[in-house]
Amino acid sequence: MSVPGLLAFVDGLMAGTLSAKLDGGLFGFTERHRLTAQLADGARVEVGAIALGGESQKGRWLLQLNGRGCGLVNDWPSLQQLLEDLGAEISRVDIAADFLKGEHTVDDALDLYHEGAFISRGRNPDLDTQGAWHAEGKKGRTVYIGKLKNGKTLCVYEKGKQLKDLDSDWTRYEVRLGNRDRVIPLDVLTNPDRYFVGAYPALAHILEAAAEEIPTIREETKTSLAHLTYHLERCYGKTIHQVLAVTGATAQDLIEEVRVIGIPKRVDPASGSAGVGWADLQAQKSRMRA
């Protein structure tokens, strides 16, 4: 196996065109090749890494895909087959269910915990809460059930508020599995629902309410663009006004002078077809000013 060979195989499973760039080491591996996908619109986004080398690694390799990378994969069965053929193991996987309208919330998760709905083998898992539990609406809240260092945790958090949309009800239930004291089956890649539900007893009815097709790209992009536009106004609004007032330049002149072709890192490049409109951004930005 070679880096170009693995890169070519993974490239065939994903939207966009993959490239790799050697860039230091990772997790004890002496070589890290950063993976970047170039999409149809020309945008480039980092999607993961291939890592290898190092005496302590004893010939092992690492293939890592981040959330954006996973979103571009269109042939999970072939990736699963490759990993099976190589005798590979999964060391970490996150499985999420999104509720854009708050069908299930962080408060629901906390209530279920206190009702004993997460008890397994006679014990309630560890519980931790973080965020603005005493400042409602200002920042997002998070509930952690279980500990990843023990191999399994459920993270429930207010995804919309994380993206600075304080009016959003978008909540994410995310099961995080690690390979400490357990083997993560490779078919988690093609049958994730089974492992989401199997993580804790309480998750069976929760998954039934999750939308099968959720426009998370559009929601995330709308929020990110509104957030960036809001801070563009806050930080540089007066500068823009002064340039137009003093120099005699037109708005179009100024835009062409400062515009950089590309997509901000915080905005998912796949959003180009997500249908985000100007009215969406204006509404989001107005709420941020309030």
Protein backbone atom coordinates (compact mmCIF):
# COMPACT_ATOMS: atom_id res chain seq x y z
CA MET A 1 0.00 0.00 0.00
CA SER A 2 1.20 3.50 -0.81
CA VAL A 3 -0.07 6.98 0.02
CA PRO A 4 -0.92 7.69 -3.66
CA GLY A 5 -2.73 4.35 -3.89
CA LEU A 6 -4.83 4.91 -0.75
CA LEU A 7 -5.47 8.50 -1.82
CA ALA A 8 -6.70 7.35 -5.24
CA PHE A 9 -9.04 4.78 -3.68
CA VAL A 10 -10.59 7.22 -1.21
CA ASP A 11 -10.83 9.84 -3.95
CA GLY A 12 -13.06 7.46 -5.89
CA LEU A 13 -15.49 7.27 -2.95
CA MET A 14 -15.92 11.00 -2.40
CA ALA A 15 -17.36 14.05 -4.10
CA GLY A 16 -14.61 16.38 -5.24
CA THR A 17 -10.97 15.68 -6.08
CA LEU A 18 -8.59 14.71 -3.28
CA SER A 19 -4.98 15.80 -2.89
CA ALA A 20 -2.46 15.18 -0.11
CA LYS A 21 0.28 17.38 1.33
CA LEU A 22 3.00 16.15 3.70
CA ASP A 23 2.79 18.23 6.87
CA GLY A 24 4.59 17.01 9.99
CA GLY A 25 3.43 14.10 12.15
CA LEU A 26 0.30 13.05 14.02
CA PHE A 27 -0.44 10.95 17.13
CA GLY A 28 3.05 9.46 17.17
CA PHE A 29 3.19 8.89 13.41
CA THR A 30 6.16 10.59 11.80
CA GLU A 31 4.32 11.46 8.57
CA ARG A 32 1.00 13.25 8.25
CA HIS A 33 -0.44 13.85 4.80
CA ARG A 34 -3.23 16.44 5.03
CA LEU A 35 -6.14 15.57 2.74
CA THR A 36 -7.86 18.35 0.84
CA ALA A 37 -10.87 18.06 -1.45
CA GLN A 38 -11.43 20.42 -4.36
CA LEU A 39 -15.14 20.70 -5.05
CA ALA A 40 -16.95 21.32 -8.32
CA ASP A 41 -17.14 25.06 -7.63
CA GLY A 42 -13.36 25.26 -7.17
CA ALA A 43 -13.46 25.59 -3.39
CA ARG A 44 -10.97 23.58 -1.35
CA VAL A 45 -11.63 22.11 2.09
CA GLU A 46 -9.57 19.99 4.46
CA VAL A 47 -11.22 16.61 4.97
CA GLY A 48 -8.79 14.56 7.05
CA ALA A 49 -5.36 12.96 6.98
CA ILE A 50 -3.31 9.87 6.20
CA ALA A 51 -0.56 9.19 8.75
CA LEU A 52 2.20 6.59 8.86
CA GLY A 53 5.77 5.99 9.97
CA GLY A 54 7.42 5.80 13.35
CA GLU A 55 9.02 2.85 15.12
CA SER A 56 6.36 2.80 17.83
CA GLN A 57 3.60 2.42 15.22
CA LYS A 58 4.97 -0.95 14.05
CA GLY A 59 3.91 -0.48 10.45
CA ARG A 60 0.39 0.78 11.18
CA TRP A 61 -1.31 3.49 9.15
CA LEU A 62 -4.04 5.97 10.09
CA LEU A 63 -6.88 7.18 7.87
CA GLN A 64 -8.75 10.06 9.48
CA LEU A 65 -11.88 11.75 8.10
CA ASN A 66 -13.35 14.81 9.78
CA GLY A 67 -17.01 15.83 9.66
CA ARG A 68 -16.63 17.57 6.30
CA GLY A 69 -14.83 14.57 4.87
CA CYS A 70 -17.55 12.19 6.04
CA GLY A 71 -20.16 14.45 4.45
CA LEU A 72 -18.48 14.04 1.06
CA VAL A 73 -18.30 10.23 1.11
CA ASN A 74 -20.86 8.73 -1.27
CA ASP A 75 -19.81 5.05 -1.09
CA TRP A 76 -19.50 3.86 2.51
CA PRO A 77 -19.84 0.13 1.64
CA SER A 78 -16.68 0.27 -0.50
CA LEU A 79 -14.77 2.05 2.26
CA GLN A 80 -15.94 -0.56 4.76
CA GLN A 81 -14.81 -3.34 2.40
CA LEU A 82 -11.37 -1.79 2.03
CA LEU A 83 -10.94 -1.57 5.79
CA GLU A 84 -12.08 -5.16 6.22
CA ASP A 85 -9.61 -6.34 3.56
CA LEU A 86 -6.79 -4.49 5.33
CA GLY A 87 -7.76 -5.82 8.76
CA ALA A 88 -8.24 -2.24 9.93
CA GLU A 89 -9.77 -1.09 13.21
CA ILE A 90 -11.81 2.00 14.03
CA SER A 91 -10.42 3.96 16.97
CA ARG A 92 -13.07 6.72 17.11
CA VAL A 93 -16.43 7.36 15.47
CA ASP A 94 -19.15 9.95 16.13
CA ILE A 95 -22.79 9.28 15.18
CA ALA A 96 -25.21 12.21 15.32
CA ALA A 97 -28.95 12.81 15.11
CA ASP A 98 -30.10 16.40 14.56
CA PHE A 99 -33.33 18.05 15.68
CA LEU A 100 -33.59 21.40 13.93
CA LYS A 101 -36.85 22.36 15.63
CA GLY A 102 -35.91 21.17 19.10
CA GLU A 103 -37.99 17.97 19.00
CA HIS A 104 -35.55 16.71 21.63
CA THR A 105 -33.55 19.17 23.74
CA VAL A 106 -30.73 19.23 26.26
CA ASP A 107 -33.38 19.53 28.98
CA ASP A 108 -35.03 16.35 27.69
CA ALA A 109 -31.71 14.53 27.89
CA LEU A 110 -31.23 15.70 31.46
CA ASP A 111 -34.75 14.62 32.42
CA LEU A 112 -34.24 11.20 30.86
CA TYR A 113 -31.02 10.80 32.78
CA HIS A 114 -32.68 11.56 36.12
CA GLU A 115 -35.51 9.16 35.21
CA GLY A 116 -32.93 6.39 34.82
CA ALA A 117 -33.40 5.99 31.07
CA PHE A 118 -29.64 5.69 30.52
CA ILE A 119 -29.06 3.02 33.16
CA SER A 120 -27.15 0.08 31.76
CA ARG A 121 -26.12 -3.00 33.75
CA GLY A 122 -27.67 -1.47 36.84
CA ARG A 123 -25.67 1.76 36.84
CA ASN A 124 -26.30 5.29 35.68
CA PRO A 125 -23.38 6.62 33.60
CA ASP A 126 -21.48 9.73 34.63
CA LEU A 127 -23.18 13.08 34.02
CA ASP A 128 -21.63 16.46 33.27
CA THR A 129 -23.19 19.75 32.15
CA GLN A 130 -21.41 22.69 30.59
CA GLY A 131 -22.42 26.05 29.18
CA ALA A 132 -24.91 28.77 30.06
CA TRP A 133 -27.39 26.90 32.25
CA HIS A 134 -28.01 30.05 34.30
CA ALA A 135 -28.07 32.56 31.43
CA GLU A 136 -30.84 31.32 29.19
CA GLY A 137 -30.61 32.26 25.54
CA LYS A 138 -27.13 33.78 25.75
CA LYS A 139 -24.95 30.77 24.97
CA GLY A 140 -25.39 27.13 24.21
CA ARG A 141 -25.68 24.35 26.76
CA THR A 142 -24.21 20.86 26.67
CA VAL A 143 -24.97 17.61 28.47
CA TYR A 144 -22.38 14.81 28.60
CA ILE A 145 -23.57 11.35 29.59
CA GLY A 146 -20.78 8.82 30.04
CA LYS A 147 -17.08 9.42 29.47
CA LEU A 148 -15.21 8.98 26.21
CA LYS A 149 -12.13 7.82 28.11
CA ASN A 150 -14.24 4.79 29.03
CA GLY A 151 -15.13 4.24 25.38
CA LYS A 152 -18.60 5.75 25.10
CA THR A 153 -20.36 9.04 25.70
CA LEU A 154 -23.47 10.89 24.56
CA CYS A 155 -22.97 14.59 23.92
CA VAL A 156 -26.20 16.61 23.63
CA TYR A 157 -25.68 20.25 22.73
CA GLU A 158 -27.42 23.28 21.28
CA LYS A 159 -25.85 23.32 17.85
CA GLY A 160 -27.67 26.42 16.63
CA LYS A 161 -26.46 28.51 19.55
CA GLN A 162 -22.95 27.14 19.03
CA LEU A 163 -23.20 28.73 15.58
CA LYS A 164 -24.23 32.06 17.19
CA ASP A 165 -27.92 31.83 16.28
CA LEU A 166 -29.41 32.56 19.70
CA ASP A 167 -32.98 31.94 18.47
CA SER A 168 -32.22 28.50 17.09
CA ASP A 169 -33.77 25.34 18.56
CA TRP A 170 -31.35 23.11 16.66
CA THR A 171 -30.12 20.41 19.06
CA ARG A 172 -27.67 17.62 18.26
CA TYR A 173 -27.54 14.22 19.99
CA GLU A 174 -24.10 12.78 19.26
CA VAL A 175 -22.89 9.33 20.33
CA ARG A 176 -19.10 9.21 20.52
CA LEU A 177 -17.46 5.79 20.55
CA GLY A 178 -13.81 5.03 21.26
CA ASN A 179 -11.98 1.73 21.06
CA ARG A 180 -10.81 1.55 24.65
CA ASP A 181 -11.74 -1.91 25.98
CA ARG A 182 -13.99 -2.51 22.99
CA VAL A 183 -13.89 -3.24 19.28
CA ILE A 184 -15.95 -0.88 17.12
CA PRO A 185 -17.48 -3.00 14.33
CA LEU A 186 -16.71 -1.76 10.84
CA ASP A 187 -20.36 -1.91 9.86
CA VAL A 188 -20.89 1.19 11.98
CA LEU A 189 -19.98 2.93 8.71
CA THR A 190 -22.96 1.47 6.84
CA ASN A 191 -25.42 0.87 9.68
CA PRO A 192 -24.88 3.76 12.10
CA ASP A 193 -28.47 3.81 13.43
CA ARG A 194 -27.95 0.43 15.07
CA TYR A 195 -24.99 1.68 17.08
CA PHE A 196 -26.59 5.01 17.93
CA VAL A 197 -29.59 3.23 19.44
CA GLY A 198 -27.43 0.57 21.07
CA ALA A 199 -25.30 3.06 22.95
CA TYR A 200 -27.94 3.78 25.63
CA PRO A 201 -31.51 2.50 26.22
CA ALA A 202 -32.97 6.02 26.05
CA LEU A 203 -31.89 6.58 22.44
CA ALA A 204 -34.27 4.15 20.72
CA HIS A 205 -37.33 6.44 20.74
CA ILE A 206 -35.16 9.51 20.18
CA LEU A 207 -33.85 8.19 16.88
CA GLU A 208 -37.40 7.52 15.65
CA ALA A 209 -38.07 11.26 15.78
CA ALA A 210 -34.90 12.28 13.95
CA ALA A 211 -35.42 13.50 10.41
CA GLU A 212 -33.95 11.21 7.76
CA GLU A 213 -32.95 14.14 5.58
CA ILE A 214 -31.94 17.24 7.53
CA PRO A 215 -30.73 20.40 5.76
CA THR A 216 -27.88 20.91 8.21
CA ILE A 217 -25.61 22.32 5.50
CA ARG A 218 -28.06 25.12 4.75
CA GLU A 219 -28.70 25.87 8.42
CA GLU A 220 -25.01 25.88 9.31
CA THR A 221 -24.10 28.01 6.31
CA LYS A 222 -26.91 30.50 6.92
CA THR A 223 -25.82 30.96 10.52
CA SER A 224 -22.11 31.21 9.70
CA LEU A 225 -22.58 33.74 6.90
CA ALA A 226 -24.92 35.85 9.03
CA HIS A 227 -22.44 35.75 11.90
CA LEU A 228 -19.56 36.83 9.65
CA THR A 229 -21.66 39.54 8.00
CA TYR A 230 -22.72 40.86 11.39
CA HIS A 231 -19.09 41.21 12.49
CA LEU A 232 -18.15 42.72 9.14
CA GLU A 233 -20.65 45.48 9.88
CA ARG A 234 -19.62 45.81 13.54
CA CYS A 235 -15.88 45.98 12.88
CA TYR A 236 -15.65 47.62 9.46
CA GLY A 237 -19.00 49.27 8.79
CA LYS A 238 -17.66 52.76 9.54
CA THR A 239 -14.55 52.13 7.46
CA ILE A 240 -16.71 51.17 4.49
CA HIS A 241 -18.78 54.32 4.94
CA GLN A 242 -15.74 56.54 5.20
CA VAL A 243 -14.07 55.10 2.09
CA LEU A 244 -17.22 55.68 0.06
CA ALA A 245 -17.74 59.18 1.49
CA VAL A 246 -14.16 60.43 1.04
CA THR A 247 -12.77 58.76 -2.05
CA GLY A 248 -15.70 59.00 -4.42
CA ALA A 249 -15.54 55.26 -5.08
CA THR A 250 -18.76 53.42 -5.79
CA ALA A 251 -19.95 50.49 -3.71
CA GLN A 252 -19.05 48.20 -6.62
CA ASP A 253 -15.54 49.71 -6.77
CA LEU A 254 -15.04 49.00 -3.08
CA ILE A 255 -16.40 45.47 -3.26
CA GLU A 256 -14.11 44.57 -6.15
CA GLU A 257 -11.15 46.12 -4.34
CA VAL A 258 -11.51 44.09 -1.15
CA ARG A 259 -13.26 40.93 -2.33
CA VAL A 260 -11.24 37.70 -2.23
CA ILE A 261 -12.60 34.82 -4.30
CA GLY A 262 -13.11 31.77 -2.09
CA ILE A 263 -15.11 30.47 0.86
CA PRO A 264 -14.40 31.35 4.52
CA LYS A 265 -13.14 28.38 6.55
CA ARG A 266 -16.19 28.54 8.83
CA VAL A 267 -18.61 28.12 5.92
CA ASP A 268 -19.09 24.64 4.45
CA PRO A 269 -18.14 24.74 0.74
CA ALA A 270 -21.00 22.36 -0.04
CA SER A 271 -23.39 25.19 0.80
CA GLY A 272 -23.26 26.57 -2.72
CA SER A 273 -26.35 24.55 -3.61
CA ALA A 274 -28.03 24.88 -0.23
CA GLY A 275 -30.35 27.73 -1.24
CA VAL A 276 -29.32 30.29 1.36
CA GLY A 277 -30.99 33.59 0.51
CA TRP A 278 -30.27 37.24 1.28
CA ALA A 279 -33.46 37.48 3.35
CA ASP A 280 -32.23 34.57 5.51
CA LEU A 281 -29.00 36.40 6.30
CA GLN A 282 -30.76 39.69 6.99
CA ALA A 283 -33.13 38.00 9.43
CA GLN A 284 -30.32 36.21 11.21
CA LYS A 285 -28.23 39.38 11.42
CA SER A 286 -31.15 41.38 12.80
CA ARG A 287 -31.54 38.88 15.63
CA MET A 288 -27.84 39.17 16.43
CA ARG A 289 -28.17 42.93 16.80
CA ALA A 290 -31.09 42.57 19.23
